[in-house]
PDB file of N, CA and C in Angstrom:
ATOM      1  N   UNK A   1      99.589  95.510 116.511  1.00  0.00           N
ATOM      2  CA  UNK A   1     100.825  95.877 115.885  1.00  0.00           C
ATOM      3  C   UNK A   1     101.997  95.856 116.923  1.00  0.00           C
ATOM      4  N   UNK A   2     102.972  95.454 116.698  1.00  0.00           N
ATOM      5  CA  UNK A   2     104.285  95.317 117.701  1.00  0.00           C
ATOM      6  C   UNK A   2     105.680  95.077 117.262  1.00  0.00           C
ATOM      7  N   UNK A   3     106.563  95.602 118.125  1.00  0.00           N
ATOM      8  CA  UNK A   3     107.754  95.233 117.791  1.00  0.00           C
ATOM      9  C   UNK A   3     108.195  93.952 118.861  1.00  0.00           C
ATOM     10  N   UNK A   4     108.856  92.912 118.386  1.00  0.00           N
ATOM     11  CA  UNK A   4     109.262  91.630 119.297  1.00  0.00           C
ATOM     12  C   UNK A   4     110.882  92.052 119.154  1.00  0.00           C
ATOM     13  N   UNK A   5     111.459  91.740 120.489  1.00  0.00           N
ATOM     14  CA  UNK A   5     112.876  91.607 120.893  1.00  0.00           C
ATOM     15  C   UNK A   5     113.062  90.121 120.617  1.00  0.00           C
ATOM     16  N   UNK A   6     114.195  89.944 120.036  1.00  0.00           N
ATOM     17  CA  UNK A   6     114.462  88.248 119.555  1.00  0.00           C
ATOM     18  C   UNK A   6     115.699  87.929 119.778  1.00  0.00           C
ATOM     19  N   UNK A   7     116.065  86.874 119.898  1.00  0.00           N
ATOM     20  CA  UNK A   7     117.313  86.054 119.553  1.00  0.00           C
ATOM     21  C   UNK A   7     117.329  85.619 118.257  1.00  0.00           C
ATOM     22  N   UNK A   8     118.478  86.076 117.463  1.00  0.00           N
ATOM     23  CA  UNK A   8     118.625  85.849 115.984  1.00  0.00           C
ATOM     24  C   UNK A   8     118.841  84.333 115.816  1.00  0.00           C
ATOM     25  N   UNK A   9     118.231  83.777 115.032  1.00  0.00           N
ATOM     26  CA  UNK A   9     118.553  82.456 114.670  1.00  0.00           C
ATOM     27  C   UNK A   9     117.371  81.560 115.152  1.00  0.00           C
ATOM     28  N   UNK A  10     116.692  81.973 116.341  1.00  0.00           N
ATOM     29  CA  UNK A  10     115.394  81.264 116.846  1.00  0.00           C
ATOM     30  C   UNK A  10     114.326  81.288 116.147  1.00  0.00           C
ATOM     31  N   UNK A  11     113.612  80.033 116.069  1.00  0.00           N
ATOM     32  CA  UNK A  11     112.232  80.276 115.302  1.00  0.00           C
ATOM     33  C   UNK A  11     111.420  81.382 115.310  1.00  0.00           C
ATOM     34  N   UNK A  12     110.926  81.970 114.298  1.00  0.00           N
ATOM     35  CA  UNK A  12     110.003  83.270 114.072  1.00  0.00           C
ATOM     36  C   UNK A  12     108.745  82.802 114.773  1.00  0.00           C
ATOM     37  N   UNK A  13     108.051  83.667 115.453  1.00  0.00           N
ATOM     38  CA  UNK A  13     106.754  83.693 115.868  1.00  0.00           C
ATOM     39  C   UNK A  13     105.815  83.822 114.671  1.00  0.00           C
ATOM     40  N   UNK A  14     104.661  83.475 114.637  1.00  0.00           N
ATOM     41  CA  UNK A  14     103.566  83.566 113.530  1.00  0.00           C
ATOM     42  C   UNK A  14     103.321  84.933 112.970  1.00  0.00           C
ATOM     43  N   UNK A  15     103.575  85.869 113.758  1.00  0.00           N
ATOM     44  CA  UNK A  15     103.079  87.266 113.365  1.00  0.00           C
ATOM     45  C   UNK A  15     104.148  88.211 113.548  1.00  0.00           C
ATOM     46  N   UNK A  16     105.300  87.477 113.634  1.00  0.00           N
ATOM     47  CA  UNK A  16     106.628  88.430 113.733  1.00  0.00           C
ATOM     48  C   UNK A  16     106.800  89.672 112.722  1.00  0.00           C
ATOM     49  N   UNK A  17     106.807  89.207 111.548  1.00  0.00           N
ATOM     50  CA  UNK A  17     107.103  89.963 110.531  1.00  0.00           C
ATOM     51  C   UNK A  17     108.443  90.187 110.046  1.00  0.00           C
ATOM     52  N   UNK A  18     108.948  91.090 109.629  1.00  0.00           N
ATOM     53  CA  UNK A  18     110.475  91.418 109.000  1.00  0.00           C
ATOM     54  C   UNK A  18     111.256  91.416 110.383  1.00  0.00           C
ATOM     55  N   UNK A  19     112.329  90.828 110.145  1.00  0.00           N
ATOM     56  CA  UNK A  19     113.088  90.645 111.233  1.00  0.00           C
ATOM     57  C   UNK A  19     114.565  91.435 111.226  1.00  0.00           C
ATOM     58  N   UNK A  20     114.814  92.464 111.842  1.00  0.00           N
ATOM     59  CA  UNK A  20     116.232  93.109 111.796  1.00  0.00           C
ATOM     60  C   UNK A  20     117.013  92.585 112.548  1.00  0.00           C
ATOM     61  N   UNK A  21     118.355  92.588 112.100  1.00  0.00           N
ATOM     62  CA  UNK A  21     119.440  92.109 112.795  1.00  0.00           C
ATOM     63  C   UNK A  21     120.376  93.422 113.252  1.00  0.00           C
ATOM     64  N   UNK A  22     120.370  93.735 114.655  1.00  0.00           N
ATOM     65  CA  UNK A  22     120.947  94.746 115.385  1.00  0.00           C
ATOM     66  C   UNK A  22     122.218  94.138 115.807  1.00  0.00           C
ATOM     67  N   UNK A  23     123.278  93.593 114.718  1.00  0.00           N
ATOM     68  CA  UNK A  23     124.341  93.017 115.343  1.00  0.00           C
ATOM     69  C   UNK A  23     125.817  93.922 114.445  1.00  0.00           C
ATOM     70  N   UNK A  24     126.575  93.833 114.885  1.00  0.00           N
ATOM     71  CA  UNK A  24     127.772  94.122 114.470  1.00  0.00           C
ATOM     72  C   UNK A  24     128.439  93.375 112.905  1.00  0.00           C
ATOM     73  N   UNK A  25     128.213  92.117 112.928  1.00  0.00           N
ATOM     74  CA  UNK A  25     128.682  91.169 112.000  1.00  0.00           C
ATOM     75  C   UNK A  25     127.586  90.387 111.643  1.00  0.00           C
ATOM     76  N   UNK A  26     127.350  89.917 110.594  1.00  0.00           N
ATOM     77  CA  UNK A  26     126.778  88.702 109.976  1.00  0.00           C
ATOM     78  C   UNK A  26     127.033  87.513 110.399  1.00  0.00           C
ATOM     79  N   UNK A  27     125.997  86.722 110.486  1.00  0.00           N
ATOM     80  CA  UNK A  27     126.400  85.397 111.436  1.00  0.00           C
ATOM     81  C   UNK A  27     127.469  84.399 110.429  1.00  0.00           C
ATOM     82  N   UNK A  28     128.450  83.838 111.066  1.00  0.00           N
ATOM     83  CA  UNK A  28     129.372  83.353 110.463  1.00  0.00           C
ATOM     84  C   UNK A  28     129.086  82.218 109.917  1.00  0.00           C
ATOM     85  N   UNK A  29     129.635  81.752 108.780  1.00  0.00           N
ATOM     86  CA  UNK A  29     129.404  80.558 107.682  1.00  0.00           C
ATOM     87  C   UNK A  29     128.127  80.150 107.262  1.00  0.00           C
ATOM     88  N   UNK A  30     127.149  81.457 107.070  1.00  0.00           N
ATOM     89  CA  UNK A  30     125.914  81.157 106.592  1.00  0.00           C
ATOM     90  C   UNK A  30     126.130  81.963 105.279  1.00  0.00           C
ATOM     91  N   UNK A  31     125.330  81.465 104.002  1.00  0.00           N
ATOM     92  CA  UNK A  31     125.748  82.277 102.936  1.00  0.00           C
ATOM     93  C   UNK A  31     124.559  83.449 103.002  1.00  0.00           C
ATOM     94  N   UNK A  32     124.545  84.430 102.553  1.00  0.00           N
ATOM     95  CA  UNK A  32     123.940  85.626 102.385  1.00  0.00           C
ATOM     96  C   UNK A  32     122.515  85.425 102.373  1.00  0.00           C
ATOM     97  N   UNK A  33     122.273  84.600 101.081  1.00  0.00           N
ATOM     98  CA  UNK A  33     120.805  84.332 100.522  1.00  0.00           C
ATOM     99  C   UNK A  33     120.372  83.201 101.828  1.00  0.00           C
ATOM    100  N   UNK A  34     120.815  82.784 102.531  1.00  0.00           N
ATOM    101  CA  UNK A  34     120.059  81.916 103.560  1.00  0.00           C
ATOM    102  C   UNK A  34     119.921  82.677 104.907  1.00  0.00           C
ATOM    103  N   UNK A  35     120.355  83.892 105.127  1.00  0.00           N
ATOM    104  CA  UNK A  35     120.019  84.529 106.207  1.00  0.00           C
ATOM    105  C   UNK A  35     118.401  84.436 106.897  1.00  0.00           C
ATOM    106  N   UNK A  36     117.754  84.917 105.749  1.00  0.00           N
ATOM    107  CA  UNK A  36     116.206  84.863 106.456  1.00  0.00           C
ATOM    108  C   UNK A  36     115.599  83.363 106.486  1.00  0.00           C
ATOM    109  N   UNK A  37     115.948  82.659 105.422  1.00  0.00           N
ATOM    110  CA  UNK A  37     115.444  81.237 105.499  1.00  0.00           C
ATOM    111  C   UNK A  37     115.747  80.452 106.745  1.00  0.00           C
ATOM    112  N   UNK A  38     117.076  80.996 107.537  1.00  0.00           N
ATOM    113  CA  UNK A  38     117.696  80.295 108.460  1.00  0.00           C
ATOM    114  C   UNK A  38     117.212  81.048 109.950  1.00  0.00           C
ATOM    115  N   UNK A  39     116.306  81.757 109.542  1.00  0.00           N
ATOM    116  CA  UNK A  39     115.770  82.879 110.917  1.00  0.00           C
ATOM    117  C   UNK A  39     116.829  83.636 111.719  1.00  0.00           C
ATOM    118  N   UNK A  40     117.678  84.058 110.763  1.00  0.00           N
ATOM    119  CA  UNK A  40     118.766  85.002 111.089  1.00  0.00           C
ATOM    120  C   UNK A  40     118.049  86.484 111.279  1.00  0.00           C
ATOM    121  N   UNK A  41     118.148  86.934 109.817  1.00  0.00           N
ATOM    122  CA  UNK A  41     117.269  88.202 109.953  1.00  0.00           C
ATOM    123  C   UNK A  41     117.009  88.202 108.358  1.00  0.00           C
ATOM    124  N   UNK A  42     116.196  89.330 108.044  1.00  0.00           N
ATOM    125  CA  UNK A  42     115.660  89.798 106.653  1.00  0.00           C
ATOM    126  C   UNK A  42     116.582  90.870 106.350  1.00  0.00           C
ATOM    127  N   UNK A  43     116.838  91.640 107.291  1.00  0.00           N
ATOM    128  CA  UNK A  43     117.649  92.820 107.035  1.00  0.00           C
ATOM    129  C   UNK A  43     118.676  93.085 108.003  1.00  0.00           C
ATOM    130  N   UNK A  44     119.888  93.379 107.729  1.00  0.00           N
ATOM    131  CA  UNK A  44     121.188  93.632 108.552  1.00  0.00           C
ATOM    132  C   UNK A  44     120.784  95.030 109.044  1.00  0.00           C
ATOM    133  N   UNK A  45     120.805  95.690 110.125  1.00  0.00           N
ATOM    134  CA  UNK A  45     120.686  96.697 110.564  1.00  0.00           C
ATOM    135  C   UNK A  45     121.718  96.975 111.810  1.00  0.00           C
ATOM    136  N   UNK A  46     123.017  97.021 111.157  1.00  0.00           N
ATOM    137  CA  UNK A  46     124.155  97.263 112.244  1.00  0.00           C
ATOM    138  C   UNK A  46     124.026  98.674 112.801  1.00  0.00           C
ATOM    139  N   UNK A  47     123.247  99.815 112.539  1.00  0.00           N
ATOM    140  CA  UNK A  47     123.117 100.954 112.946  1.00  0.00           C
ATOM    141  C   UNK A  47     122.926 101.127 114.540  1.00  0.00           C
ATOM    142  N   UNK A  48     122.308 100.036 115.069  1.00  0.00           N
ATOM    143  CA  UNK A  48     121.665  99.938 116.356  1.00  0.00           C
ATOM    144  C   UNK A  48     122.863  99.196 117.105  1.00  0.00           C
ATOM    145  N   UNK A  49     123.507  98.425 116.586  1.00  0.00           N
ATOM    146  CA  UNK A  49     124.548  97.664 117.233  1.00  0.00           C
ATOM    147  C   UNK A  49     125.630  98.446 118.207  1.00  0.00           C
ATOM    148  N   UNK A  50     126.291  97.808 119.108  1.00  0.00           N
ATOM    149  CA  UNK A  50     127.075  98.799 119.651  1.00  0.00           C
ATOM    150  C   UNK A  50     128.339  98.742 118.690  1.00  0.00           C
ATOM    151  N   UNK A  51     129.179  99.822 119.161  1.00  0.00           N
ATOM    152  CA  UNK A  51     130.482  99.923 118.489  1.00  0.00           C
ATOM    153  C   UNK A  51     131.337  98.813 118.969  1.00  0.00           C
ATOM    154  N   UNK A  52     132.227  98.607 118.112  1.00  0.00           N
ATOM    155  CA  UNK A  52     133.201  97.312 118.347  1.00  0.00           C
ATOM    156  C   UNK A  52     133.790  97.476 119.833  1.00  0.00           C
ATOM    157  N   UNK A  53     134.269  98.557 120.035  1.00  0.00           N
ATOM    158  CA  UNK A  53     134.810  98.609 121.249  1.00  0.00           C
ATOM    159  C   UNK A  53     133.986  98.438 122.369  1.00  0.00           C
ATOM    160  N   UNK A  54     132.553  99.189 122.449  1.00  0.00           N
ATOM    161  CA  UNK A  54     131.587  98.863 123.271  1.00  0.00           C
ATOM    162  C   UNK A  54     131.148  97.470 123.284  1.00  0.00           C
ATOM    163  N   UNK A  55     131.037  97.022 122.408  1.00  0.00           N
ATOM    164  CA  UNK A  55     130.874  95.518 122.474  1.00  0.00           C
ATOM    165  C   UNK A  55     131.545  94.724 123.072  1.00  0.00           C
ATOM    166  N   UNK A  56     133.116  94.691 122.921  1.00  0.00           N
ATOM    167  CA  UNK A  56     134.089  94.281 123.711  1.00  0.00           C
ATOM    168  C   UNK A  56     133.759  94.294 125.238  1.00  0.00           C
ATOM    169  N   UNK A  57     133.359  95.696 125.724  1.00  0.00           N
ATOM    170  CA  UNK A  57     133.201  96.087 127.115  1.00  0.00           C
ATOM    171  C   UNK A  57     131.925  95.058 127.617  1.00  0.00           C
ATOM    172  N   UNK A  58     130.928  94.920 126.763  1.00  0.00           N
ATOM    173  CA  UNK A  58     129.727  94.325 127.178  1.00  0.00           C
ATOM    174  C   UNK A  58     130.215  92.621 127.291  1.00  0.00           C
ATOM    175  N   UNK A  59     131.091  92.195 126.312  1.00  0.00           N
ATOM    176  CA  UNK A  59     131.137  90.791 126.325  1.00  0.00           C
ATOM    177  C   UNK A  59     131.934  90.577 127.627  1.00  0.00           C
ATOM    178  N   UNK A  60     132.955  91.491 127.955  1.00  0.00           N
ATOM    179  CA  UNK A  60     133.841  91.168 129.069  1.00  0.00           C
ATOM    180  C   UNK A  60     133.268  91.331 130.237  1.00  0.00           C
ATOM    181  N   UNK A  61     132.061  92.067 130.567  1.00  0.00           N
ATOM    182  CA  UNK A  61     131.502  92.293 131.900  1.00  0.00           C
ATOM    183  C   UNK A  61     131.366  91.090 132.579  1.00  0.00           C
ATOM    184  N   UNK A  62     131.888  90.845 133.685  1.00  0.00           N
ATOM    185  CA  UNK A  62     131.566  89.915 134.657  1.00  0.00           C
ATOM    186  C   UNK A  62     130.775  90.398 135.914  1.00  0.00           C
ATOM    187  N   UNK A  63     131.079  91.605 135.964  1.00  0.00           N
ATOM    188  CA  UNK A  63     130.093  91.968 137.454  1.00  0.00           C
ATOM    189  C   UNK A  63     129.173  93.105 136.729  1.00  0.00           C
ATOM    190  N   UNK A  64     128.158  93.216 137.794  1.00  0.00           N
ATOM    191  CA  UNK A  64     127.251  94.277 137.526  1.00  0.00           C
ATOM    192  C   UNK A  64     127.566  95.479 137.396  1.00  0.00           C
ATOM    193  N   UNK A  65     128.814  95.860 138.127  1.00  0.00           N
ATOM    194  CA  UNK A  65     129.325  97.496 137.896  1.00  0.00           C
ATOM    195  C   UNK A  65     129.943  97.269 136.332  1.00  0.00           C
ATOM    196  N   UNK A  66     130.324  96.319 135.790  1.00  0.00           N
ATOM    197  CA  UNK A  66     130.969  96.243 134.411  1.00  0.00           C
ATOM    198  C   UNK A  66     129.581  96.481 133.521  1.00  0.00           C
ATOM    199  N   UNK A  67     128.691  95.531 133.642  1.00  0.00           N
ATOM    200  CA  UNK A  67     127.601  95.531 132.802  1.00  0.00           C
ATOM    201  C   UNK A  67     127.119  97.082 132.817  1.00  0.00           C
ATOM    202  N   UNK A  68     126.997  97.758 133.873  1.00  0.00           N
ATOM    203  CA  UNK A  68     126.528  99.158 134.034  1.00  0.00           C
ATOM    204  C   UNK A  68     127.353 100.017 133.276  1.00  0.00           C
ATOM    205  N   UNK A  69     128.773  99.924 133.109  1.00  0.00           N
ATOM    206  CA  UNK A  69     129.390 100.766 132.397  1.00  0.00           C
ATOM    207  C   UNK A  69     129.235 100.638 131.059  1.00  0.00           C
ATOM    208  N   UNK A  70     129.041  99.136 130.525  1.00  0.00           N
ATOM    209  CA  UNK A  70     128.684  98.890 128.980  1.00  0.00           C
ATOM    210  C   UNK A  70     127.265  99.787 128.710  1.00  0.00           C
ATOM    211  N   UNK A  71     126.486  99.441 129.817  1.00  0.00           N
ATOM    212  CA  UNK A  71     125.099 100.170 129.519  1.00  0.00           C
ATOM    213  C   UNK A  71     125.058 101.210 129.247  1.00  0.00           C
ATOM    214  N   UNK A  72     125.938 102.223 129.967  1.00  0.00           N
ATOM    215  CA  UNK A  72     126.111 103.557 129.941  1.00  0.00           C
ATOM    216  C   UNK A  72     126.740 104.164 128.738  1.00  0.00           C
ATOM    217  N   UNK A  73     127.692 103.036 128.258  1.00  0.00           N
ATOM    218  CA  UNK A  73     128.424 103.671 127.018  1.00  0.00           C
ATOM    219  C   UNK A  73     127.567 103.308 125.771  1.00  0.00           C
ATOM    220  N   UNK A  74     127.023 102.389 125.770  1.00  0.00           N
ATOM    221  CA  UNK A  74     125.917 101.782 124.606  1.00  0.00           C
ATOM    222  C   UNK A  74     124.664 103.107 124.572  1.00  0.00           C
ATOM    223  N   UNK A  75     124.217 103.218 125.693  1.00  0.00           N
ATOM    224  CA  UNK A  75     123.269 104.271 125.822  1.00  0.00           C
ATOM    225  C   UNK A  75     123.480 105.599 125.196  1.00  0.00           C
ATOM    226  N   UNK A  76     124.972 105.895 125.532  1.00  0.00           N
ATOM    227  CA  UNK A  76     125.515 107.190 124.869  1.00  0.00           C
ATOM    228  C   UNK A  76     125.593 107.149 123.473  1.00  0.00           C
ATOM    229  N   UNK A  77     125.867 106.058 123.001  1.00  0.00           N
ATOM    230  CA  UNK A  77     126.177 105.998 121.307  1.00  0.00           C
ATOM    231  C   UNK A  77     124.591 106.068 120.809  1.00  0.00           C
ATOM    232  N   UNK A  78     123.841 105.345 121.445  1.00  0.00           N
ATOM    233  CA  UNK A  78     122.584 105.626 120.897  1.00  0.00           C
ATOM    234  C   UNK A  78     121.891 106.984 121.222  1.00  0.00           C
ATOM    235  N   UNK A  79     122.278 107.895 121.596  1.00  0.00           N
ATOM    236  CA  UNK A  79     121.984 108.905 122.113  1.00  0.00           C
ATOM    237  C   UNK A  79     122.207 110.079 121.062  1.00  0.00           C
ATOM    238  N   UNK A  80     123.154 109.710 120.011  1.00  0.00           N
ATOM    239  CA  UNK A  80     123.443 110.467 118.991  1.00  0.00           C
ATOM    240  C   UNK A  80     122.461 110.532 117.827  1.00  0.00           C
ATOM    241  N   UNK A  81     122.379 111.857 117.384  1.00  0.00           N
ATOM    242  CA  UNK A  81     121.305 111.795 116.346  1.00  0.00           C
ATOM    243  C   UNK A  81     121.107 110.814 115.645  1.00  0.00           C
ATOM    244  N   UNK A  82     121.989 110.078 114.531  1.00  0.00           N
ATOM    245  CA  UNK A  82     121.386 109.244 113.702  1.00  0.00           C
ATOM    246  C   UNK A  82     120.887 107.821 114.442  1.00  0.00           C
ATOM    247  N   UNK A  83     121.662 107.673 115.634  1.00  0.00           N
ATOM    248  CA  UNK A  83     121.033 106.510 116.353  1.00  0.00           C
ATOM    249  C   UNK A  83     119.397 106.800 116.833  1.00  0.00           C
ATOM    250  N   UNK A  84     119.257 107.884 117.458  1.00  0.00           N
ATOM    251  CA  UNK A  84     118.281 108.294 117.953  1.00  0.00           C
ATOM    252  C   UNK A  84     117.117 108.352 117.151  1.00  0.00           C
ATOM    253  N   UNK A  85     117.326 108.944 116.031  1.00  0.00           N
ATOM    254  CA  UNK A  85     116.121 108.760 114.908  1.00  0.00           C
ATOM    255  C   UNK A  85     115.884 107.465 114.526  1.00  0.00           C
ATOM    256  N   UNK A  86     116.972 106.503 114.218  1.00  0.00           N
ATOM    257  CA  UNK A  86     116.547 105.138 113.948  1.00  0.00           C
ATOM    258  C   UNK A  86     115.225 104.449 115.135  1.00  0.00           C
ATOM    259  N   UNK A  87     115.836 104.971 116.559  1.00  0.00           N
ATOM    260  CA  UNK A  87     114.931 104.498 117.456  1.00  0.00           C
ATOM    261  C   UNK A  87     113.539 104.948 117.240  1.00  0.00           C
ATOM    262  N   UNK A  88     113.743 106.246 117.425  1.00  0.00           N
ATOM    263  CA  UNK A  88     112.162 106.899 116.949  1.00  0.00           C
ATOM    264  C   UNK A  88     111.405 106.289 115.762  1.00  0.00           C
ATOM    265  N   UNK A  89     112.223 106.070 114.999  1.00  0.00           N
ATOM    266  CA  UNK A  89     111.328 105.272 113.754  1.00  0.00           C
ATOM    267  C   UNK A  89     110.898 103.901 114.055  1.00  0.00           C
ATOM    268  N   UNK A  90     111.616 103.320 114.587  1.00  0.00           N
ATOM    269  CA  UNK A  90     111.233 101.937 115.071  1.00  0.00           C
ATOM    270  C   UNK A  90     110.199 101.856 116.073  1.00  0.00           C
ATOM    271  N   UNK A  91     109.994 102.747 116.919  1.00  0.00           N
ATOM    272  CA  UNK A  91     109.201 103.114 117.960  1.00  0.00           C
ATOM    273  C   UNK A  91     107.769 103.526 117.227  1.00  0.00           C
ATOM    274  N   UNK A  92     108.026 104.441 116.313  1.00  0.00           N
ATOM    275  CA  UNK A  92     106.669 104.685 115.476  1.00  0.00           C
ATOM    276  C   UNK A  92     105.945 103.678 114.553  1.00  0.00           C
ATOM    277  N   UNK A  93     106.992 102.857 113.801  1.00  0.00           N
ATOM    278  CA  UNK A  93     106.618 101.669 112.708  1.00  0.00           C
ATOM    279  C   UNK A  93     105.864 100.637 114.097  1.00  0.00           C
ATOM    280  N   UNK A  94     106.309 100.559 114.951  1.00  0.00           N
ATOM    281  CA  UNK A  94     105.757  99.555 115.847  1.00  0.00           C
ATOM    282  C   UNK A  94     104.170  99.653 116.246  1.00  0.00           C
ATOM    283  N   UNK A  95     103.684 100.973 115.737  1.00  0.00           N
ATOM    284  CA  UNK A  95     102.411 101.300 115.988  1.00  0.00           C
ATOM    285  C   UNK A  95     101.582 100.909 114.701  1.00  0.00           C
ATOM    286  N   UNK A  96     102.320 100.710 113.689  1.00  0.00           N
ATOM    287  CA  UNK A  96     101.770 100.281 112.122  1.00  0.00           C
ATOM    288  C   UNK A  96     101.896  99.204 111.807  1.00  0.00           C
ATOM    289  N   UNK A  97     102.648  98.519 112.077  1.00  0.00           N
ATOM    290  CA  UNK A  97     103.190  97.128 111.646  1.00  0.00           C
ATOM    291  C   UNK A  97     103.978  95.983 112.882  1.00  0.00           C
ATOM    292  N   UNK A  98     103.768  94.622 112.379  1.00  0.00           N
ATOM    293  CA  UNK A  98     104.735  93.955 112.940  1.00  0.00           C
ATOM    294  C   UNK A  98     106.010  93.606 112.597  1.00  0.00           C
ATOM    295  N   UNK A  99     107.198  93.859 113.382  1.00  0.00           N
ATOM    296  CA  UNK A  99     108.471  93.296 113.099  1.00  0.00           C
ATOM    297  C   UNK A  99     109.090  93.059 114.723  1.00  0.00           C
ATOM    298  N   UNK A 100     110.485  92.915 114.344  1.00  0.00           N
ATOM    299  CA  UNK A 100     111.310  92.291 115.140  1.00  0.00           C
ATOM    300  C   UNK A 100     112.793  92.869 114.947  1.00  0.00           C
ATOM    301  N   UNK A 101     113.459  93.095 116.407  1.00  0.00           N
ATOM    302  CA  UNK A 101     115.097  93.462 116.106  1.00  0.00           C
ATOM    303  C   UNK A 101     115.525  92.279 117.097  1.00  0.00           C
ATOM    304  N   UNK A 102     116.756  91.780 116.772  1.00  0.00           N
ATOM    305  CA  UNK A 102     117.439  90.939 117.501  1.00  0.00           C
ATOM    306  C   UNK A 102     118.708  90.955 117.468  1.00  0.00           C
ATOM    307  N   UNK A 103     119.450  89.977 118.141  1.00  0.00           N
ATOM    308  CA  UNK A 103     120.905  90.099 118.506  1.00  0.00           C
ATOM    309  C   UNK A 103     121.018  88.401 118.551  1.00  0.00           C
ATOM    310  N   UNK A 104     122.536  87.859 118.355  1.00  0.00           N
ATOM    311  CA  UNK A 104     122.702  86.268 118.734  1.00  0.00           C
ATOM    312  C   UNK A 104     122.589  85.912 120.137  1.00  0.00           C
ATOM    313  N   UNK A 105     123.036  86.919 121.051  1.00  0.00           N
ATOM    314  CA  UNK A 105     123.141  86.467 122.567  1.00  0.00           C
ATOM    315  C   UNK A 105     122.118  85.614 122.972  1.00  0.00           C
ATOM    316  N   UNK A 106     122.640  84.517 123.797  1.00  0.00           N
ATOM    317  CA  UNK A 106     121.513  83.739 124.378  1.00  0.00           C
ATOM    318  C   UNK A 106     120.587  84.228 125.486  1.00  0.00           C
ATOM    319  N   UNK A 107     121.038  85.290 126.427  1.00  0.00           N
ATOM    320  CA  UNK A 107     120.173  85.625 127.352  1.00  0.00           C
ATOM    321  C   UNK A 107     120.196  87.406 127.126  1.00  0.00           C
ATOM    322  N   UNK A 108     118.703  87.814 127.043  1.00  0.00           N
ATOM    323  CA  UNK A 108     118.509  89.160 126.666  1.00  0.00           C
ATOM    324  C   UNK A 108     119.010  89.943 127.860  1.00  0.00           C
ATOM    325  N   UNK A 109     119.072  89.575 129.060  1.00  0.00           N
ATOM    326  CA  UNK A 109     119.582  90.143 130.283  1.00  0.00           C
ATOM    327  C   UNK A 109     120.845  90.668 130.200  1.00  0.00           C
ATOM    328  N   UNK A 110     121.575  90.031 129.359  1.00  0.00           N
ATOM    329  CA  UNK A 110     122.992  90.199 129.178  1.00  0.00           C
ATOM    330  C   UNK A 110     123.329  90.698 128.129  1.00  0.00           C
ATOM    331  N   UNK A 111     122.496  91.121 126.964  1.00  0.00           N
ATOM    332  CA  UNK A 111     122.595  91.371 125.677  1.00  0.00           C
ATOM    333  C   UNK A 111     121.958  92.758 125.437  1.00  0.00           C
ATOM    334  N   UNK A 112     122.634  93.657 124.273  1.00  0.00           N
ATOM    335  CA  UNK A 112     122.343  94.849 124.189  1.00  0.00           C
ATOM    336  C   UNK A 112     121.080  95.092 124.012  1.00  0.00           C
ATOM    337  N   UNK A 113     120.471  94.212 123.367  1.00  0.00           N
ATOM    338  CA  UNK A 113     118.888  93.999 122.898  1.00  0.00           C
ATOM    339  C   UNK A 113     118.086  94.443 124.079  1.00  0.00           C
ATOM    340  N   UNK A 114     118.346  94.052 125.403  1.00  0.00           N
ATOM    341  CA  UNK A 114     117.352  94.330 126.666  1.00  0.00           C
ATOM    342  C   UNK A 114     117.663  95.844 126.725  1.00  0.00           C
ATOM    343  N   UNK A 115     118.760  96.645 126.207  1.00  0.00           N
ATOM    344  CA  UNK A 115     118.833  98.052 126.360  1.00  0.00           C
ATOM    345  C   UNK A 115     118.039  98.583 125.279  1.00  0.00           C
ATOM    346  N   UNK A 116     118.027  97.946 124.118  1.00  0.00           N
ATOM    347  CA  UNK A 116     117.113  98.433 122.929  1.00  0.00           C
ATOM    348  C   UNK A 116     115.705  98.297 123.411  1.00  0.00           C
ATOM    349  N   UNK A 117     115.307  97.307 124.165  1.00  0.00           N
ATOM    350  CA  UNK A 117     113.752  97.416 124.687  1.00  0.00           C
ATOM    351  C   UNK A 117     113.350  98.508 125.376  1.00  0.00           C
ATOM    352  N   UNK A 118     114.326  99.132 126.274  1.00  0.00           N
ATOM    353  CA  UNK A 118     114.011  99.955 126.974  1.00  0.00           C
ATOM    354  C   UNK A 118     113.892 101.077 126.339  1.00  0.00           C
ATOM    355  N   UNK A 119     114.879 101.610 125.461  1.00  0.00           N
ATOM    356  CA  UNK A 119     114.842 102.787 124.567  1.00  0.00           C
ATOM    357  C   UNK A 119     113.797 102.698 123.640  1.00  0.00           C
ATOM    358  N   UNK A 120     113.239 101.821 123.095  1.00  0.00           N
ATOM    359  CA  UNK A 120     111.969 101.488 122.321  1.00  0.00           C
ATOM    360  C   UNK A 120     111.098 101.856 123.342  1.00  0.00           C
ATOM    361  N   UNK A 121     110.908 101.290 124.474  1.00  0.00           N
ATOM    362  CA  UNK A 121     109.532 101.330 125.255  1.00  0.00           C
ATOM    363  C   UNK A 121     109.446 102.961 125.562  1.00  0.00           C
ATOM    364  N   UNK A 122     110.495 103.531 125.980  1.00  0.00           N
ATOM    365  CA  UNK A 122     110.848 105.164 126.452  1.00  0.00           C
ATOM    366  C   UNK A 122     110.277 105.861 125.194  1.00  0.00           C
ATOM    367  N   UNK A 123     110.378 105.619 123.828  1.00  0.00           N
ATOM    368  CA  UNK A 123     110.013 106.321 122.698  1.00  0.00           C
ATOM    369  C   UNK A 123     108.526 106.000 122.317  1.00  0.00           C
ATOM    370  N   UNK A 124     107.908 105.249 123.258  1.00  0.00           N
ATOM    371  CA  UNK A 124     106.387 105.056 122.916  1.00  0.00           C
ATOM    372  C   UNK A 124     106.120 103.887 122.159  1.00  0.00           C
ATOM    373  N   UNK A 125     107.186 102.829 121.849  1.00  0.00           N
ATOM    374  CA  UNK A 125     106.825 101.621 121.103  1.00  0.00           C
ATOM    375  C   UNK A 125     105.917 100.523 121.564  1.00  0.00           C
ATOM    376  N   UNK A 126     105.359  99.991 120.763  1.00  0.00           N
ATOM    377  CA  UNK A 126     104.197  98.786 121.259  1.00  0.00           C
ATOM    378  C   UNK A 126     105.229  97.677 121.258  1.00  0.00           C
ATOM    379  N   UNK A 127     105.612  97.237 122.471  1.00  0.00           N
ATOM    380  CA  UNK A 127     106.163  95.862 122.499  1.00  0.00           C
ATOM    381  C   UNK A 127     105.476  94.716 122.658  1.00  0.00           C
ATOM    382  N   UNK A 128     105.828  93.697 121.931  1.00  0.00           N
ATOM    383  CA  UNK A 128     105.077  92.501 122.173  1.00  0.00           C
ATOM    384  C   UNK A 128     105.793  91.628 123.134  1.00  0.00           C
ATOM    385  N   UNK A 129     104.996  90.688 123.890  1.00  0.00           N
ATOM    386  CA  UNK A 129     105.405  90.261 125.310  1.00  0.00           C
ATOM    387  C   UNK A 129     106.113  89.001 124.885  1.00  0.00           C
TER     388      UNK A 129
END
């Protein structure tokens, strides 16, 4: 059992399980009925997406200092009880079943999903390689 951190729209792994889209907006131009069949996500879970303002900060980050400012702000958002409970829930679920969380960004290292990975690990999640 494990949680995978994935790029939405990428081909699914054989044992990936349910795919959660931790993004602010659904994919453009894709009918809702095709989100899962096109490997975007099975369930939209914007609860763990950065706020609009924080997302803009991350997208505009050109330097390591700017990226760190984004990361601090996003971590602060996820420390709020509603979001912290969601992370704790996903960490616990990872010990019982396969599923994945993801975002559209090409490179995980410059995406909020890298921070989600760290926070899930800190909560004891079982992470797939």
